[in-house]
Amino acid sequence: MRALISLLVDVLLVLGFTLAMRVSHSQAITPLGLIQTAWPFLVGLAIGWLVSRSWRTTLTLYAALAVWACTVGIGLVIRRVTMVGVQPSFTMVAASVLAVFLLGWRLIVFLVREVNRRQGPIPGARPSA
């Protein structure tokens, strides 16, 4: 179940990135337009999950970097081949924003778990199921 939630978070973040791209370029915000913009990055995301076997180790550095690198790298290659091309500035923006999105949430979850592990259970709190 955790892997499914992690994958869903990644998909939503990629969709959020592509939505922000469309808004910043004054493109129409329609479901079809969003899918047309997002699909290269979603393919890269899927390949990243397969390569890293993220369903087993979502929070490891290797898995996080593999998912991010494949999402950006494969997404940009597909975009370049199938669409109008890719500007160097877009490459930097895509890599940066997707790094914050795809690596950032994993880092936050890892740090919260690490703090909880070191502090032990909170007195009076019910144990999680």
N, C-alpha and C. Protein backbone atom coordinates (compact mmCIF):
# COMPACT_ATOMS: atom_id res chain seq x y z
N MET A 1 0.82 -1.19 0.00
CA MET A 1 0.00 0.00 0.00
C MET A 1 0.87 1.26 0.00
N ARG A 2 1.98 1.24 0.76
CA ARG A 2 2.85 2.41 0.80
C ARG A 2 3.43 2.71 -0.57
N ALA A 3 3.78 1.66 -1.31
CA ALA A 3 4.34 1.86 -2.64
C ALA A 3 3.31 2.51 -3.56
N LEU A 4 2.07 2.08 -3.46
CA LEU A 4 1.01 2.66 -4.29
C LEU A 4 0.80 4.14 -3.95
N ILE A 5 0.83 4.46 -2.68
CA ILE A 5 0.70 5.86 -2.26
C ILE A 5 1.90 6.67 -2.77
N SER A 6 3.09 6.10 -2.67
CA SER A 6 4.29 6.79 -3.15
C SER A 6 4.21 7.05 -4.65
N LEU A 7 3.76 6.05 -5.40
CA LEU A 7 3.61 6.22 -6.84
C LEU A 7 2.57 7.29 -7.15
N LEU A 8 1.47 7.28 -6.42
CA LEU A 8 0.43 8.28 -6.62
C LEU A 8 0.96 9.69 -6.32
N VAL A 9 1.75 9.83 -5.27
CA VAL A 9 2.35 11.13 -4.95
C VAL A 9 3.24 11.58 -6.10
N ASP A 10 4.07 10.67 -6.63
CA ASP A 10 4.94 11.02 -7.75
C ASP A 10 4.14 11.46 -8.97
N VAL A 11 3.09 10.70 -9.30
CA VAL A 11 2.26 11.04 -10.46
C VAL A 11 1.61 12.41 -10.26
N LEU A 12 1.08 12.66 -9.08
CA LEU A 12 0.44 13.96 -8.81
C LEU A 12 1.45 15.10 -8.90
N LEU A 13 2.67 14.87 -8.45
CA LEU A 13 3.69 15.92 -8.52
C LEU A 13 4.11 16.19 -9.97
N VAL A 14 4.22 15.14 -10.78
CA VAL A 14 4.53 15.34 -12.20
C VAL A 14 3.39 16.08 -12.88
N LEU A 15 2.16 15.71 -12.56
CA LEU A 15 1.01 16.44 -13.12
C LEU A 15 1.00 17.89 -12.65
N GLY A 16 1.35 18.12 -11.40
CA GLY A 16 1.44 19.49 -10.89
C GLY A 16 2.49 20.30 -11.62
N PHE A 17 3.63 19.67 -11.90
CA PHE A 17 4.69 20.33 -12.66
C PHE A 17 4.20 20.70 -14.06
N THR A 18 3.55 19.77 -14.73
CA THR A 18 3.09 20.05 -16.09
C THR A 18 1.96 21.08 -16.09
N LEU A 19 1.13 21.06 -15.06
CA LEU A 19 0.09 22.09 -14.94
C LEU A 19 0.74 23.47 -14.80
N ALA A 20 1.74 23.56 -13.94
CA ALA A 20 2.45 24.84 -13.76
C ALA A 20 3.11 25.28 -15.06
N MET A 21 3.66 24.33 -15.82
CA MET A 21 4.26 24.65 -17.11
C MET A 21 3.23 25.26 -18.05
N ARG A 22 2.09 24.64 -18.13
CA ARG A 22 1.05 25.13 -19.03
C ARG A 22 0.56 26.52 -18.61
N VAL A 23 0.39 26.72 -17.32
CA VAL A 23 -0.05 28.02 -16.82
C VAL A 23 1.00 29.09 -17.13
N SER A 24 2.27 28.78 -16.90
CA SER A 24 3.32 29.78 -17.11
C SER A 24 3.50 30.14 -18.58
N HIS A 25 3.05 29.26 -19.47
CA HIS A 25 3.13 29.54 -20.91
C HIS A 25 1.78 29.93 -21.49
N SER A 26 0.84 30.27 -20.63
CA SER A 26 -0.50 30.71 -21.03
C SER A 26 -1.19 29.73 -21.97
N GLN A 27 -1.00 28.44 -21.72
CA GLN A 27 -1.68 27.42 -22.51
C GLN A 27 -2.98 27.04 -21.83
N ALA A 28 -3.92 26.56 -22.62
CA ALA A 28 -5.23 26.18 -22.09
C ALA A 28 -5.07 25.05 -21.08
N ILE A 29 -5.84 25.15 -20.01
CA ILE A 29 -5.81 24.12 -18.97
C ILE A 29 -7.00 23.20 -19.20
N THR A 30 -6.76 22.14 -19.94
CA THR A 30 -7.78 21.13 -20.22
C THR A 30 -7.18 19.77 -19.87
N PRO A 31 -8.03 18.79 -19.59
CA PRO A 31 -7.50 17.45 -19.31
C PRO A 31 -6.63 16.91 -20.45
N LEU A 32 -7.07 17.11 -21.69
CA LEU A 32 -6.29 16.62 -22.83
C LEU A 32 -4.96 17.36 -22.93
N GLY A 33 -4.98 18.66 -22.75
CA GLY A 33 -3.74 19.43 -22.79
C GLY A 33 -2.77 19.01 -21.71
N LEU A 34 -3.28 18.76 -20.51
CA LEU A 34 -2.43 18.33 -19.41
C LEU A 34 -1.81 16.97 -19.72
N ILE A 35 -2.60 16.05 -20.24
CA ILE A 35 -2.08 14.72 -20.59
C ILE A 35 -1.04 14.83 -21.70
N GLN A 36 -1.30 15.66 -22.71
CA GLN A 36 -0.34 15.83 -23.80
C GLN A 36 1.00 16.36 -23.29
N THR A 37 0.96 17.22 -22.32
CA THR A 37 2.19 17.78 -21.77
C THR A 37 2.86 16.80 -20.80
N ALA A 38 2.07 16.07 -20.05
CA ALA A 38 2.61 15.22 -18.98
C ALA A 38 3.11 13.86 -19.44
N TRP A 39 2.56 13.31 -20.53
CA TRP A 39 2.83 11.91 -20.82
C TRP A 39 4.31 11.58 -20.98
N PRO A 40 5.16 12.42 -21.59
CA PRO A 40 6.58 12.03 -21.67
C PRO A 40 7.22 11.87 -20.29
N PHE A 41 6.84 12.74 -19.36
CA PHE A 41 7.41 12.66 -18.02
C PHE A 41 6.81 11.50 -17.23
N LEU A 42 5.56 11.18 -17.48
CA LEU A 42 4.95 10.02 -16.82
C LEU A 42 5.56 8.72 -17.31
N VAL A 43 5.91 8.65 -18.60
CA VAL A 43 6.63 7.47 -19.12
C VAL A 43 7.99 7.37 -18.43
N GLY A 44 8.70 8.49 -18.33
CA GLY A 44 9.99 8.49 -17.64
C GLY A 44 9.85 8.08 -16.18
N LEU A 45 8.79 8.56 -15.54
CA LEU A 45 8.53 8.19 -14.15
C LEU A 45 8.31 6.68 -14.02
N ALA A 46 7.51 6.11 -14.91
CA ALA A 46 7.25 4.67 -14.87
C ALA A 46 8.53 3.87 -15.06
N ILE A 47 9.35 4.29 -16.01
CA ILE A 47 10.62 3.60 -16.24
C ILE A 47 11.53 3.74 -15.02
N GLY A 48 11.55 4.92 -14.43
CA GLY A 48 12.34 5.12 -13.22
C GLY A 48 11.91 4.21 -12.08
N TRP A 49 10.61 4.04 -11.93
CA TRP A 49 10.10 3.13 -10.90
C TRP A 49 10.52 1.70 -11.18
N LEU A 50 10.47 1.30 -12.46
CA LEU A 50 10.86 -0.07 -12.81
C LEU A 50 12.36 -0.29 -12.62
N VAL A 51 13.17 0.65 -13.09
CA VAL A 51 14.63 0.53 -12.99
C VAL A 51 15.07 0.46 -11.53
N SER A 52 14.49 1.30 -10.70
CA SER A 52 14.91 1.40 -9.30
C SER A 52 14.19 0.41 -8.38
N ARG A 53 13.18 -0.25 -8.92
CA ARG A 53 12.33 -1.14 -8.12
C ARG A 53 11.79 -0.38 -6.90
N SER A 54 11.31 0.80 -7.17
CA SER A 54 10.87 1.71 -6.11
C SER A 54 9.74 1.15 -5.25
N TRP A 55 8.99 0.21 -5.75
CA TRP A 55 7.92 -0.35 -4.93
C TRP A 55 8.50 -1.07 -3.72
N ARG A 56 9.80 -1.39 -3.75
CA ARG A 56 10.44 -2.05 -2.61
C ARG A 56 11.17 -1.06 -1.71
N THR A 57 11.77 -0.05 -2.32
CA THR A 57 12.66 0.85 -1.57
C THR A 57 12.44 2.30 -1.98
N THR A 58 11.26 2.80 -1.79
CA THR A 58 10.90 4.13 -2.25
C THR A 58 11.80 5.23 -1.69
N LEU A 59 12.23 5.10 -0.45
CA LEU A 59 12.93 6.20 0.21
C LEU A 59 14.45 6.11 0.15
N THR A 60 15.00 5.11 -0.51
CA THR A 60 16.46 5.05 -0.60
C THR A 60 16.96 6.12 -1.57
N LEU A 61 18.20 6.54 -1.36
CA LEU A 61 18.79 7.55 -2.23
C LEU A 61 18.86 7.05 -3.67
N TYR A 62 19.24 5.78 -3.85
CA TYR A 62 19.32 5.22 -5.20
C TYR A 62 17.97 5.29 -5.90
N ALA A 63 16.93 4.84 -5.22
CA ALA A 63 15.60 4.84 -5.84
C ALA A 63 15.15 6.26 -6.16
N ALA A 64 15.36 7.17 -5.24
CA ALA A 64 14.94 8.56 -5.45
C ALA A 64 15.67 9.18 -6.64
N LEU A 65 16.98 8.99 -6.70
CA LEU A 65 17.75 9.57 -7.81
C LEU A 65 17.40 8.91 -9.14
N ALA A 66 17.17 7.60 -9.13
CA ALA A 66 16.82 6.90 -10.37
C ALA A 66 15.46 7.37 -10.89
N VAL A 67 14.50 7.51 -9.99
CA VAL A 67 13.17 7.97 -10.40
C VAL A 67 13.27 9.38 -10.97
N TRP A 68 13.97 10.26 -10.29
CA TRP A 68 14.13 11.64 -10.76
C TRP A 68 14.87 11.69 -12.10
N ALA A 69 16.00 11.00 -12.20
CA ALA A 69 16.81 11.05 -13.42
C ALA A 69 16.05 10.50 -14.62
N CYS A 70 15.34 9.41 -14.43
CA CYS A 70 14.56 8.83 -15.53
C CYS A 70 13.38 9.73 -15.90
N THR A 71 12.71 10.28 -14.91
CA THR A 71 11.58 11.16 -15.19
C THR A 71 12.03 12.34 -16.03
N VAL A 72 13.12 12.98 -15.63
CA VAL A 72 13.62 14.15 -16.35
C VAL A 72 14.25 13.74 -17.67
N GLY A 73 15.21 12.82 -17.62
CA GLY A 73 15.96 12.45 -18.82
C GLY A 73 15.10 11.86 -19.91
N ILE A 74 14.33 10.85 -19.57
CA ILE A 74 13.49 10.19 -20.57
C ILE A 74 12.36 11.13 -21.00
N GLY A 75 11.79 11.86 -20.05
CA GLY A 75 10.74 12.81 -20.39
C GLY A 75 11.20 13.85 -21.39
N LEU A 76 12.40 14.39 -21.18
CA LEU A 76 12.93 15.40 -22.11
C LEU A 76 13.27 14.81 -23.47
N VAL A 77 13.81 13.60 -23.49
CA VAL A 77 14.13 12.95 -24.78
C VAL A 77 12.85 12.70 -25.56
N ILE A 78 11.85 12.14 -24.92
CA ILE A 78 10.57 11.90 -25.61
C ILE A 78 9.98 13.21 -26.10
N ARG A 79 10.03 14.22 -25.26
CA ARG A 79 9.49 15.53 -25.64
C ARG A 79 10.22 16.09 -26.85
N ARG A 80 11.52 15.95 -26.87
CA ARG A 80 12.31 16.47 -27.99
C ARG A 80 11.98 15.73 -29.29
N VAL A 81 11.82 14.42 -29.20
CA VAL A 81 11.56 13.61 -30.39
C VAL A 81 10.14 13.78 -30.90
N THR A 82 9.17 13.91 -30.01
CA THR A 82 7.77 13.89 -30.43
C THR A 82 7.10 15.25 -30.49
N MET A 83 7.75 16.26 -29.94
CA MET A 83 7.09 17.57 -29.88
C MET A 83 7.97 18.62 -30.54
N VAL A 84 7.78 19.84 -30.14
CA VAL A 84 8.46 20.97 -30.78
C VAL A 84 9.93 21.09 -30.42
N GLY A 85 10.39 20.32 -29.49
CA GLY A 85 11.77 20.41 -29.06
C GLY A 85 11.86 20.85 -27.61
N VAL A 86 13.08 21.08 -27.18
CA VAL A 86 13.31 21.43 -25.78
C VAL A 86 14.35 22.53 -25.72
N GLN A 87 14.00 23.63 -25.11
CA GLN A 87 14.94 24.73 -24.90
C GLN A 87 15.84 24.41 -23.70
N PRO A 88 17.11 24.85 -23.75
CA PRO A 88 18.00 24.59 -22.61
C PRO A 88 17.45 25.13 -21.28
N SER A 89 16.80 26.27 -21.32
CA SER A 89 16.24 26.82 -20.08
C SER A 89 15.14 25.91 -19.53
N PHE A 90 14.35 25.31 -20.42
CA PHE A 90 13.31 24.39 -19.97
C PHE A 90 13.93 23.16 -19.32
N THR A 91 15.04 22.69 -19.88
CA THR A 91 15.74 21.53 -19.31
C THR A 91 16.14 21.82 -17.87
N MET A 92 16.70 23.00 -17.64
CA MET A 92 17.13 23.36 -16.28
C MET A 92 15.94 23.51 -15.34
N VAL A 93 14.87 24.12 -15.82
CA VAL A 93 13.68 24.30 -14.98
C VAL A 93 13.06 22.94 -14.65
N ALA A 94 12.92 22.09 -15.67
CA ALA A 94 12.32 20.77 -15.45
C ALA A 94 13.16 19.96 -14.46
N ALA A 95 14.47 19.96 -14.65
CA ALA A 95 15.34 19.20 -13.75
C ALA A 95 15.26 19.73 -12.32
N SER A 96 15.26 21.04 -12.19
CA SER A 96 15.24 21.65 -10.85
C SER A 96 13.91 21.43 -10.14
N VAL A 97 12.82 21.73 -10.82
CA VAL A 97 11.50 21.61 -10.18
C VAL A 97 11.20 20.15 -9.86
N LEU A 98 11.49 19.26 -10.80
CA LEU A 98 11.22 17.84 -10.53
C LEU A 98 12.14 17.29 -9.46
N ALA A 99 13.34 17.83 -9.32
CA ALA A 99 14.22 17.42 -8.22
C ALA A 99 13.60 17.81 -6.88
N VAL A 100 13.13 19.04 -6.79
CA VAL A 100 12.49 19.49 -5.55
C VAL A 100 11.26 18.63 -5.27
N PHE A 101 10.46 18.38 -6.29
CA PHE A 101 9.24 17.60 -6.10
C PHE A 101 9.53 16.14 -5.77
N LEU A 102 10.28 15.45 -6.63
CA LEU A 102 10.44 14.00 -6.50
C LEU A 102 11.44 13.60 -5.42
N LEU A 103 12.45 14.42 -5.19
CA LEU A 103 13.41 14.13 -4.13
C LEU A 103 12.95 14.73 -2.80
N GLY A 104 12.31 15.89 -2.89
CA GLY A 104 11.93 16.62 -1.68
C GLY A 104 10.98 15.87 -0.78
N TRP A 105 9.91 15.31 -1.33
CA TRP A 105 8.95 14.63 -0.46
C TRP A 105 9.57 13.41 0.19
N ARG A 106 10.46 12.73 -0.55
CA ARG A 106 11.12 11.56 0.02
C ARG A 106 12.04 11.96 1.17
N LEU A 107 12.75 13.07 0.99
CA LEU A 107 13.63 13.56 2.04
C LEU A 107 12.84 13.94 3.29
N ILE A 108 11.71 14.60 3.10
CA ILE A 108 10.88 14.99 4.24
C ILE A 108 10.38 13.76 5.00
N VAL A 109 9.87 12.77 4.27
CA VAL A 109 9.38 11.55 4.92
C VAL A 109 10.52 10.83 5.64
N PHE A 110 11.67 10.74 4.98
CA PHE A 110 12.83 10.09 5.60
C PHE A 110 13.22 10.80 6.90
N LEU A 111 13.30 12.13 6.86
CA LEU A 111 13.70 12.89 8.04
C LEU A 111 12.69 12.76 9.18
N VAL A 112 11.41 12.80 8.85
CA VAL A 112 10.37 12.63 9.88
C VAL A 112 10.50 11.25 10.52
N ARG A 113 10.68 10.24 9.70
CA ARG A 113 10.84 8.88 10.25
C ARG A 113 12.10 8.77 11.10
N GLU A 114 13.16 9.39 10.66
CA GLU A 114 14.41 9.33 11.40
C GLU A 114 14.28 10.03 12.76
N VAL A 115 13.64 11.18 12.78
CA VAL A 115 13.42 11.89 14.04
C VAL A 115 12.55 11.05 14.97
N ASN A 116 11.49 10.47 14.43
CA ASN A 116 10.61 9.63 15.25
C ASN A 116 11.35 8.40 15.78
N ARG A 117 12.19 7.83 14.95
CA ARG A 117 12.96 6.65 15.37
C ARG A 117 13.90 7.01 16.52
N ARG A 118 14.55 8.14 16.41
CA ARG A 118 15.53 8.54 17.44
C ARG A 118 14.85 8.98 18.73
N GLN A 119 13.69 9.59 18.63
CA GLN A 119 13.00 10.07 19.82
C GLN A 119 12.19 8.99 20.51
N GLY A 120 11.84 7.97 19.76
CA GLY A 120 10.99 6.94 20.32
C GLY A 120 9.54 7.37 20.27
N PRO A 121 8.65 6.55 20.78
CA PRO A 121 7.22 6.89 20.74
C PRO A 121 6.92 8.10 21.62
N ILE A 122 5.92 8.82 21.22
CA ILE A 122 5.47 9.98 21.99
C ILE A 122 4.67 9.45 23.18
N PRO A 123 5.01 9.90 24.40
CA PRO A 123 4.28 9.42 25.58
C PRO A 123 2.78 9.70 25.45
N GLY A 124 1.99 8.69 25.73
CA GLY A 124 0.54 8.83 25.68
C GLY A 124 -0.06 8.63 24.30
N ALA A 125 0.79 8.51 23.27
CA ALA A 125 0.27 8.31 21.91
C ALA A 125 -0.09 6.85 21.71
N ARG A 126 -1.12 6.63 20.93
CA ARG A 126 -1.51 5.26 20.61
C ARG A 126 -0.56 4.72 19.55
N PRO A 127 -0.18 3.47 19.64
CA PRO A 127 0.70 2.89 18.61
C PRO A 127 -0.03 2.82 17.28
N SER A 128 0.72 3.03 16.20
CA SER A 128 0.10 2.96 14.86
C SER A 128 -0.08 1.51 14.47
N ALA A 129 -1.09 1.28 13.67
CA ALA A 129 -1.42 -0.09 13.25
C ALA A 129 -0.57 -0.53 12.10
